[in-house]
Amino acid sequence: MDFKLSEEQQMIVDVAARLAEESEEDERILELERGELANSLLEKLSRLGFAGMTLSEEYGGQGSSNLDGVLFLEQLAGKCPTLAGIFHEANFGPIRQIDCFGSYFLKKKYIPMTCEGRGLISIGMTEPEAGSALTDLKTTAKLRNGQYIVNGQKRFISGAGVSESYLVFVRLSEEKGAKGIGTIVVDKDAEGLSFGKRERMMGHNTIPQRDMIFDNTRVPAENLVLKAGEFSKAMLCFDIERLGNGTISLGIAKGALEHSIRYSQERYQFGRPICEFQAVQLMLADMTMMVEAARLLIYRAACNSGRSYPGRLETSVAKCYANEIAKRVSDLALEVHGGYGYSSEYPIERMVRDSRGWAIAGGTPQMQRIGIVSGLLGRRFEQRR
């Protein structure tokens, strides 16, 4: 077992680190202005060849492994979370479901759009009464005269109103639960699609979240990705999303630790740097152990998956742990920084806020724990009973 990065992987890390450093100041401006998702950042990734890094080469991607994508994403997340979120969407998000299971028509239409920096595809899953209980979703898509007519509402959709297209989870048949659910791509300009007011969230201020309202929204039949009964395929791809999610949490924790190491050597109290005080040393040691452990769990899941789907158990363990330690490490970083950590002029308070959001997205730590035990025991646990 070799823990060393190859020369190519080290180059990926170095390029990503430089890009993160260059974008950090832009991120602070975006955060203060609470701006929209920065499409210019997607174009920037595209120019560098990283917008569709993990997507199929035959449609314009690089065909890189999940581990390569994780290495790049980790560097971005600690310094430029907006850019990290865009990279995540373009490499670990719903575009991967199209890459894995979409028709030739869908791949040809949407993968080049992402790789060339012309627009992102966001995911439409959550509803007012269907979050963790996703199979309770009520949004319907009924086939009529060569079109799907979509009706319903999605809640807290990241990128809503800004992304060019949306991979929407819909009920395609009268069958209850997962058996009736499939996915379909809905373009931003589809007739009958509208967006609610922008939500003001605790974190993720540069990525807009809105409701999506479908009122007899017309979608071409060829935009169907997964038909009813293929919900399990959607969840396979969602494990890829969870891998990216956990990596962003790792990046946040890594960034918080790096800021704390630097600050502890620059900040003087009682005539000496605070890194000389044992209380600070213990916090830095705990933060380091958590970051290193999270990194190993994520790298294992990514490495074992190649370009395919990561294992459900490995992914749940990695995501859950990374989500939890991002909250803990950013909290400790705030304590190391004291009043400066609480100030919006410094990045630590943003890391504290953002770490909470990624833990909610993609399946909460509580749901991941249930999945972990399910994998350990080889049985499902029905939540409805």
Protein backbone atom coordinates (compact mmCIF):
# COMPACT_ATOMS: atom_id res chain seq x y z
CA MET A 1 0.00 0.00 0.00
CA ASP A 2 1.63 3.21 -1.23
CA PHE A 3 0.51 6.51 0.28
CA LYS A 4 2.69 8.62 -2.00
CA LEU A 5 1.13 10.65 -4.79
CA SER A 6 2.32 10.07 -8.34
CA GLU A 7 4.05 12.91 -10.19
CA GLU A 8 0.85 13.61 -12.10
CA GLN A 9 -1.22 13.68 -8.92
CA GLN A 10 1.25 16.01 -7.23
CA MET A 11 0.96 18.31 -10.24
CA ILE A 12 -2.83 18.30 -9.80
CA VAL A 13 -2.42 19.29 -6.15
CA ASP A 14 0.06 22.06 -7.01
CA VAL A 15 -2.16 23.54 -9.74
CA ALA A 16 -5.21 23.43 -7.49
CA ALA A 17 -3.30 25.04 -4.61
CA ARG A 18 -2.18 27.93 -6.85
CA LEU A 19 -5.68 28.39 -8.21
CA ALA A 20 -7.11 28.44 -4.68
CA GLU A 21 -4.56 31.01 -3.60
CA GLU A 22 -5.39 33.25 -6.57
CA SER A 23 -9.14 32.95 -5.97
CA GLU A 24 -9.17 33.48 -2.20
CA GLU A 25 -9.46 37.26 -2.42
CA ASP A 26 -12.24 36.99 -5.01
CA GLU A 27 -14.05 34.67 -2.64
CA ARG A 28 -14.00 37.25 0.16
CA ILE A 29 -15.49 39.86 -2.17
CA LEU A 30 -18.20 37.47 -3.31
CA GLU A 31 -19.01 36.56 0.28
CA LEU A 32 -19.35 40.18 1.38
CA GLU A 33 -21.55 41.03 -1.60
CA ARG A 34 -23.60 37.83 -1.21
CA GLY A 35 -23.32 37.52 -4.97
CA GLU A 36 -24.80 34.94 -7.31
CA LEU A 37 -23.04 31.77 -8.34
CA ALA A 38 -20.03 33.07 -10.26
CA ASN A 39 -20.30 31.65 -13.80
CA SER A 40 -16.94 33.28 -14.51
CA LEU A 41 -15.37 30.76 -12.11
CA LEU A 42 -16.77 27.86 -14.15
CA GLU A 43 -15.28 29.44 -17.26
CA LYS A 44 -11.98 29.75 -15.40
CA LEU A 45 -12.02 26.05 -14.55
CA SER A 46 -12.86 25.24 -18.16
CA ARG A 47 -9.93 27.25 -19.52
CA LEU A 48 -7.62 25.25 -17.25
CA GLY A 49 -9.22 21.98 -18.35
CA PHE A 50 -10.72 21.07 -14.96
CA ALA A 51 -14.43 21.83 -15.46
CA GLY A 52 -15.18 18.23 -16.47
CA MET A 53 -12.05 16.60 -15.14
CA THR A 54 -13.73 13.30 -14.14
CA LEU A 55 -16.13 13.11 -17.12
CA SER A 56 -15.76 10.85 -20.15
CA GLU A 57 -13.08 11.85 -22.63
CA GLU A 58 -15.25 11.09 -25.67
CA TYR A 59 -17.56 13.97 -24.68
CA GLY A 60 -14.88 16.48 -23.75
CA GLY A 61 -13.86 15.45 -20.23
CA GLN A 62 -10.44 14.30 -19.04
CA GLY A 63 -11.51 10.86 -17.85
CA SER A 64 -9.63 11.34 -14.58
CA SER A 65 -10.19 9.12 -11.55
CA ASN A 66 -12.30 10.03 -8.54
CA LEU A 67 -9.09 10.30 -6.51
CA ASP A 68 -7.68 12.89 -8.93
CA GLY A 69 -10.88 14.89 -8.56
CA VAL A 70 -10.72 14.60 -4.77
CA LEU A 71 -7.12 15.85 -4.73
CA PHE A 72 -8.08 18.92 -6.75
CA LEU A 73 -11.24 19.62 -4.77
CA GLU A 74 -9.56 19.37 -1.37
CA GLN A 75 -7.19 22.22 -2.23
CA LEU A 76 -9.99 24.52 -3.37
CA ALA A 77 -12.37 23.98 -0.46
CA GLY A 78 -10.24 25.54 2.25
CA LYS A 79 -9.70 28.86 0.48
CA CYS A 80 -12.38 29.32 -2.17
CA PRO A 81 -15.58 27.44 -1.28
CA THR A 82 -17.51 28.97 -4.20
CA LEU A 83 -15.00 27.62 -6.69
CA ALA A 84 -14.97 24.31 -4.81
CA GLY A 85 -18.77 24.12 -5.04
CA ILE A 86 -18.65 24.73 -8.79
CA PHE A 87 -15.90 22.12 -9.31
CA HIS A 88 -17.90 19.68 -7.18
CA GLU A 89 -21.02 20.22 -9.31
CA ALA A 90 -19.08 19.82 -12.55
CA ASN A 91 -17.29 16.63 -11.48
CA PHE A 92 -19.15 14.87 -8.66
CA GLY A 93 -22.65 16.28 -9.10
CA PRO A 94 -25.66 15.24 -11.23
CA ILE A 95 -23.66 15.45 -14.45
CA ARG A 96 -22.10 12.13 -13.40
CA GLN A 97 -25.51 10.45 -13.54
CA ILE A 98 -25.85 11.60 -17.15
CA ASP A 99 -22.30 10.41 -17.84
CA CYS A 100 -23.04 6.99 -16.32
CA PHE A 101 -26.62 6.33 -17.42
CA GLY A 102 -27.72 9.01 -19.86
CA SER A 103 -28.51 8.37 -23.52
CA TYR A 104 -26.09 9.37 -26.27
CA PHE A 105 -28.31 12.41 -26.92
CA LEU A 106 -28.09 13.59 -23.30
CA LYS A 107 -24.36 12.98 -23.02
CA LYS A 108 -23.70 14.84 -26.25
CA LYS A 109 -25.84 17.78 -25.14
CA TYR A 110 -24.90 18.26 -21.49
CA ILE A 111 -21.37 16.95 -20.91
CA PRO A 112 -19.71 19.33 -23.40
CA MET A 113 -21.77 22.19 -21.91
CA THR A 114 -20.16 21.50 -18.54
CA CYS A 115 -16.65 20.86 -19.83
CA GLU A 116 -16.66 24.02 -21.96
CA GLY A 117 -17.82 26.18 -19.05
CA ARG A 118 -21.16 27.13 -20.65
CA GLY A 119 -23.30 26.12 -17.67
CA LEU A 120 -23.84 23.78 -14.75
CA ILE A 121 -26.43 21.11 -14.03
CA SER A 122 -27.81 21.29 -10.49
CA ILE A 123 -29.83 18.65 -8.70
CA GLY A 124 -33.50 18.90 -7.75
CA MET A 125 -34.30 16.38 -5.01
CA THR A 126 -35.58 17.92 -1.77
CA GLU A 127 -39.25 18.84 -1.42
CA PRO A 128 -41.26 20.50 1.38
CA GLU A 129 -42.18 17.03 2.73
CA ALA A 130 -39.36 14.92 1.32
CA GLY A 131 -35.81 15.44 2.56
CA SER A 132 -34.16 12.44 4.19
CA ALA A 133 -37.34 10.55 3.26
CA LEU A 134 -36.68 11.15 -0.42
CA THR A 135 -38.98 8.35 -1.60
CA ASP A 136 -41.93 10.42 -0.29
CA LEU A 137 -41.42 12.94 -3.08
CA LYS A 138 -44.60 14.11 -4.84
CA THR A 139 -43.36 15.92 -7.96
CA THR A 140 -44.82 14.05 -10.94
CA ALA A 141 -43.82 13.68 -14.58
CA LYS A 142 -46.48 12.25 -16.93
CA LEU A 143 -45.81 11.38 -20.56
CA ARG A 144 -48.21 13.03 -23.00
CA ASN A 145 -47.74 13.39 -26.76
CA GLY A 146 -43.97 12.98 -26.68
CA GLN A 147 -43.44 15.31 -23.70
CA TYR A 148 -43.29 14.91 -19.96
CA ILE A 149 -45.60 17.25 -18.06
CA VAL A 150 -43.99 17.98 -14.70
CA ASN A 151 -45.91 19.30 -11.67
CA GLY A 152 -44.72 19.87 -8.13
CA GLN A 153 -42.25 21.83 -6.04
CA LYS A 154 -38.62 21.43 -5.01
CA ARG A 155 -37.14 23.11 -1.94
CA PHE A 156 -33.65 24.51 -1.10
CA ILE A 157 -32.21 23.86 -4.57
CA SER A 158 -28.61 25.09 -4.81
CA GLY A 159 -28.01 27.02 -8.02
CA ALA A 160 -31.75 27.37 -8.72
CA GLY A 161 -32.36 30.16 -11.20
CA VAL A 162 -28.67 30.35 -12.13
CA SER A 163 -27.68 26.90 -13.39
CA GLU A 164 -28.55 26.15 -17.01
CA SER A 165 -30.24 22.80 -16.30
CA TYR A 166 -31.49 20.58 -13.44
CA LEU A 167 -31.52 16.84 -12.87
CA VAL A 168 -34.93 16.47 -11.22
CA PHE A 169 -36.14 13.46 -9.24
CA VAL A 170 -39.78 12.82 -10.21
CA ARG A 171 -42.53 10.29 -9.71
CA LEU A 172 -43.12 8.62 -13.08
CA SER A 173 -45.73 6.06 -12.07
CA GLU A 174 -48.41 5.45 -9.46
CA GLU A 175 -46.25 2.93 -7.63
CA LYS A 176 -45.36 4.04 -4.12
CA GLY A 177 -41.87 4.55 -2.79
CA ALA A 178 -38.72 4.13 -4.84
CA LYS A 179 -40.34 1.96 -7.53
CA GLY A 180 -42.16 4.93 -9.07
CA ILE A 181 -39.20 7.35 -9.06
CA GLY A 182 -36.92 8.30 -11.95
CA THR A 183 -34.92 11.33 -13.07
CA ILE A 184 -35.29 13.83 -15.88
CA VAL A 185 -33.29 16.86 -17.08
CA VAL A 186 -35.21 20.14 -17.04
CA ASP A 187 -33.67 23.19 -18.71
CA LYS A 188 -33.79 26.59 -17.06
CA ASP A 189 -35.97 28.07 -19.81
CA ALA A 190 -38.52 25.22 -19.85
CA GLU A 191 -42.11 26.40 -20.28
CA GLY A 192 -43.91 26.27 -16.92
CA LEU A 193 -40.80 26.37 -14.71
CA SER A 194 -40.38 29.22 -12.24
CA PHE A 195 -38.22 29.90 -9.19
CA GLY A 196 -39.04 31.17 -5.71
CA LYS A 197 -37.36 33.92 -3.75
CA ARG A 198 -33.74 33.51 -2.83
CA GLU A 199 -33.31 31.92 0.60
CA ARG A 200 -30.98 33.58 3.10
CA MET A 201 -28.98 30.78 4.64
CA MET A 202 -26.51 30.60 7.51
CA GLY A 203 -23.67 29.81 5.10
CA HIS A 204 -22.96 29.20 1.41
CA ASN A 205 -23.89 32.82 0.73
CA THR A 206 -22.48 32.96 -2.79
CA ILE A 207 -24.51 29.97 -4.00
CA PRO A 208 -28.21 30.87 -4.39
CA GLN A 209 -30.87 28.53 -3.05
CA ARG A 210 -34.46 28.79 -4.20
CA ASP A 211 -37.58 26.72 -4.66
CA MET A 212 -38.33 25.29 -8.09
CA ILE A 213 -42.00 25.39 -9.07
CA PHE A 214 -43.26 23.13 -11.84
CA ASP A 215 -46.64 24.14 -13.26
CA ASN A 216 -47.38 21.85 -16.21
CA THR A 217 -43.72 22.24 -17.14
CA ARG A 218 -43.06 20.76 -20.56
CA VAL A 219 -39.94 18.60 -20.96
CA PRO A 220 -38.93 16.62 -24.08
CA ALA A 221 -39.31 12.86 -23.64
CA GLU A 222 -35.67 12.34 -24.63
CA ASN A 223 -34.61 14.23 -21.48
CA LEU A 224 -35.46 11.20 -19.33
CA VAL A 225 -32.32 9.83 -17.68
CA LEU A 226 -33.60 7.06 -15.39
CA LYS A 227 -37.03 5.53 -15.74
CA ALA A 228 -39.30 4.34 -12.91
CA GLY A 229 -37.75 1.45 -11.05
CA GLU A 230 -34.15 2.60 -11.54
CA PHE A 231 -33.90 4.53 -8.27
CA SER A 232 -31.01 2.31 -7.14
CA LYS A 233 -28.92 3.55 -10.09
CA ALA A 234 -29.56 7.13 -8.99
CA MET A 235 -28.29 6.28 -5.52
CA LEU A 236 -25.14 4.70 -6.96
CA CYS A 237 -24.32 8.03 -8.58
CA PHE A 238 -25.31 9.86 -5.42
CA ASP A 239 -22.48 8.03 -3.63
CA ILE A 240 -20.13 9.88 -6.00
CA GLU A 241 -21.75 13.15 -4.90
CA ARG A 242 -21.25 12.18 -1.26
CA LEU A 243 -17.56 11.59 -1.95
CA GLY A 244 -17.26 15.15 -3.26
CA ASN A 245 -19.30 16.48 -0.35
CA GLY A 246 -17.01 14.82 2.20
CA THR A 247 -13.98 16.19 0.38
CA ILE A 248 -15.25 19.76 0.70
CA SER A 249 -15.71 19.18 4.44
CA LEU A 250 -12.15 17.87 4.57
CA GLY A 251 -10.95 20.97 2.70
CA ILE A 252 -12.74 23.27 5.12
CA ALA A 253 -11.11 21.49 8.08
CA LYS A 254 -7.72 21.59 6.38
CA GLY A 255 -8.08 25.31 5.71
CA ALA A 256 -9.11 26.00 9.30
CA LEU A 257 -6.09 24.06 10.58
CA GLU A 258 -3.68 25.88 8.26
CA HIS A 259 -5.00 29.28 9.34
CA SER A 260 -4.68 28.23 12.99
CA ILE A 261 -1.10 27.02 12.62
CA ARG A 262 -0.11 30.32 11.02
CA TYR A 263 -2.05 32.49 13.45
CA SER A 264 -0.73 30.67 16.52
CA GLN A 265 2.82 31.62 15.52
CA GLU A 266 2.00 35.24 14.66
CA ARG A 267 -0.27 36.13 17.58
CA TYR A 268 1.57 37.20 20.75
CA GLN A 269 0.14 37.22 24.26
CA PHE A 270 2.09 37.67 27.50
CA GLY A 271 5.16 38.41 25.40
CA ARG A 272 5.30 35.18 23.42
CA PRO A 273 3.48 33.47 20.50
CA ILE A 274 0.38 31.61 21.61
CA CYS A 275 1.66 28.37 20.04
CA GLU A 276 3.90 28.10 23.11
CA PHE A 277 0.87 27.66 25.37
CA GLN A 278 -0.09 24.06 26.01
CA ALA A 279 -3.83 24.73 25.64
CA VAL A 280 -3.28 25.90 22.06
CA GLN A 281 -0.90 23.02 21.33
CA LEU A 282 -3.53 20.48 22.39
CA MET A 283 -6.13 22.06 20.11
CA LEU A 284 -3.74 22.05 17.15
CA ALA A 285 -2.86 18.40 17.81
CA ASP A 286 -6.54 17.37 17.94
CA MET A 287 -7.30 19.30 14.76
CA THR A 288 -4.39 17.63 12.96
CA MET A 289 -5.45 14.12 13.97
CA MET A 290 -9.00 14.69 12.76
CA VAL A 291 -7.92 16.14 9.42
CA GLU A 292 -5.46 13.32 8.76
CA ALA A 293 -8.02 10.63 9.63
CA ALA A 294 -10.69 12.19 7.40
CA ARG A 295 -8.24 12.43 4.51
CA LEU A 296 -7.35 8.74 4.74
CA LEU A 297 -11.02 7.69 4.78
CA ILE A 298 -11.86 9.83 1.75
CA TYR A 299 -8.78 8.79 -0.20
CA ARG A 300 -9.58 5.12 0.46
CA ALA A 301 -13.13 5.44 -0.86
CA ALA A 302 -11.93 7.42 -3.89
CA CYS A 303 -8.99 5.14 -4.66
CA ASN A 304 -11.05 1.95 -4.43
CA SER A 305 -13.69 3.34 -6.81
CA GLY A 306 -11.42 4.32 -9.72
CA ARG A 307 -13.78 6.18 -12.11
CA SER A 308 -16.83 4.17 -11.02
CA TYR A 309 -19.08 4.26 -7.97
CA PRO A 310 -17.46 4.26 -4.53
CA GLY A 311 -18.60 1.61 -2.09
CA ARG A 312 -21.66 2.62 -0.08
CA LEU A 313 -20.15 1.72 3.30
CA GLU A 314 -16.79 3.36 2.62
CA THR A 315 -18.47 6.49 1.29
CA SER A 316 -20.87 6.83 4.22
CA VAL A 317 -18.04 6.41 6.73
CA ALA A 318 -15.90 8.98 4.91
CA LYS A 319 -18.66 11.56 4.41
CA CYS A 320 -20.04 11.24 7.93
CA TYR A 321 -16.64 11.55 9.59
CA ALA A 322 -15.48 14.41 7.37
CA ASN A 323 -18.74 16.31 7.94
CA GLU A 324 -18.42 15.91 11.70
CA ILE A 325 -14.76 16.86 11.97
CA ALA A 326 -15.21 19.92 9.73
CA LYS A 327 -17.60 21.29 12.35
CA ARG A 328 -15.28 20.36 15.23
CA VAL A 329 -12.06 21.61 13.61
CA SER A 330 -13.59 24.92 12.52
CA ASP A 331 -14.93 25.40 16.07
CA LEU A 332 -11.45 24.80 17.52
CA ALA A 333 -9.98 27.18 14.94
CA LEU A 334 -12.36 29.86 16.15
CA GLU A 335 -11.14 29.29 19.71
CA VAL A 336 -7.51 29.55 18.60
CA HIS A 337 -8.26 32.84 16.81
CA GLY A 338 -10.36 34.28 19.64
CA GLY A 339 -12.11 37.51 18.68
CA TYR A 340 -10.51 37.51 15.23
CA GLY A 341 -12.09 34.14 14.53
CA TYR A 342 -15.52 35.60 15.29
CA SER A 343 -15.00 38.54 12.92
CA SER A 344 -16.43 38.42 9.38
CA GLU A 345 -13.22 40.08 8.19
CA TYR A 346 -11.46 36.74 8.67
CA PRO A 347 -12.32 33.40 7.01
CA ILE A 348 -12.78 31.27 10.15
CA GLU A 349 -16.35 32.34 10.92
CA ARG A 350 -17.32 31.51 7.31
CA MET A 351 -15.79 28.06 7.70
CA VAL A 352 -17.82 27.50 10.86
CA ARG A 353 -21.02 28.39 9.00
CA ASP A 354 -20.23 26.51 5.78
CA SER A 355 -19.23 23.33 7.61
CA ARG A 356 -22.81 22.99 8.87
CA GLY A 357 -24.30 23.19 5.40
CA TRP A 358 -22.26 20.41 3.85
CA ALA A 359 -23.20 18.10 6.73
CA ILE A 360 -26.88 18.58 5.89
CA ALA A 361 -26.47 18.20 2.12
CA GLY A 362 -26.20 14.77 0.54
CA GLY A 363 -27.62 12.92 3.55
CA THR A 364 -27.22 14.02 7.15
CA PRO A 365 -24.66 12.41 9.50
CA GLN A 366 -27.55 10.66 11.24
CA MET A 367 -28.71 9.10 7.96
CA GLN A 368 -25.13 8.12 7.12
CA ARG A 369 -24.83 6.35 10.45
CA ILE A 370 -27.95 4.33 9.69
CA GLY A 371 -26.44 3.44 6.32
CA ILE A 372 -23.18 2.43 7.96
CA VAL A 373 -24.89 -0.02 10.31
CA SER A 374 -27.01 -1.31 7.42
CA GLY A 375 -23.81 -2.06 5.51
CA LEU A 376 -22.14 -3.66 8.50
CA LEU A 377 -25.06 -5.99 9.21
CA GLY A 378 -26.04 -6.60 5.61
CA ARG A 379 -29.66 -5.62 6.13
CA ARG A 380 -31.95 -2.65 5.59
CA PHE A 381 -33.68 -0.79 8.39
CA GLU A 382 -37.16 0.39 7.48
CA GLN A 383 -37.69 3.87 8.97
CA ARG A 384 -41.47 3.89 8.47
CA ARG A 385 -42.32 1.18 10.95
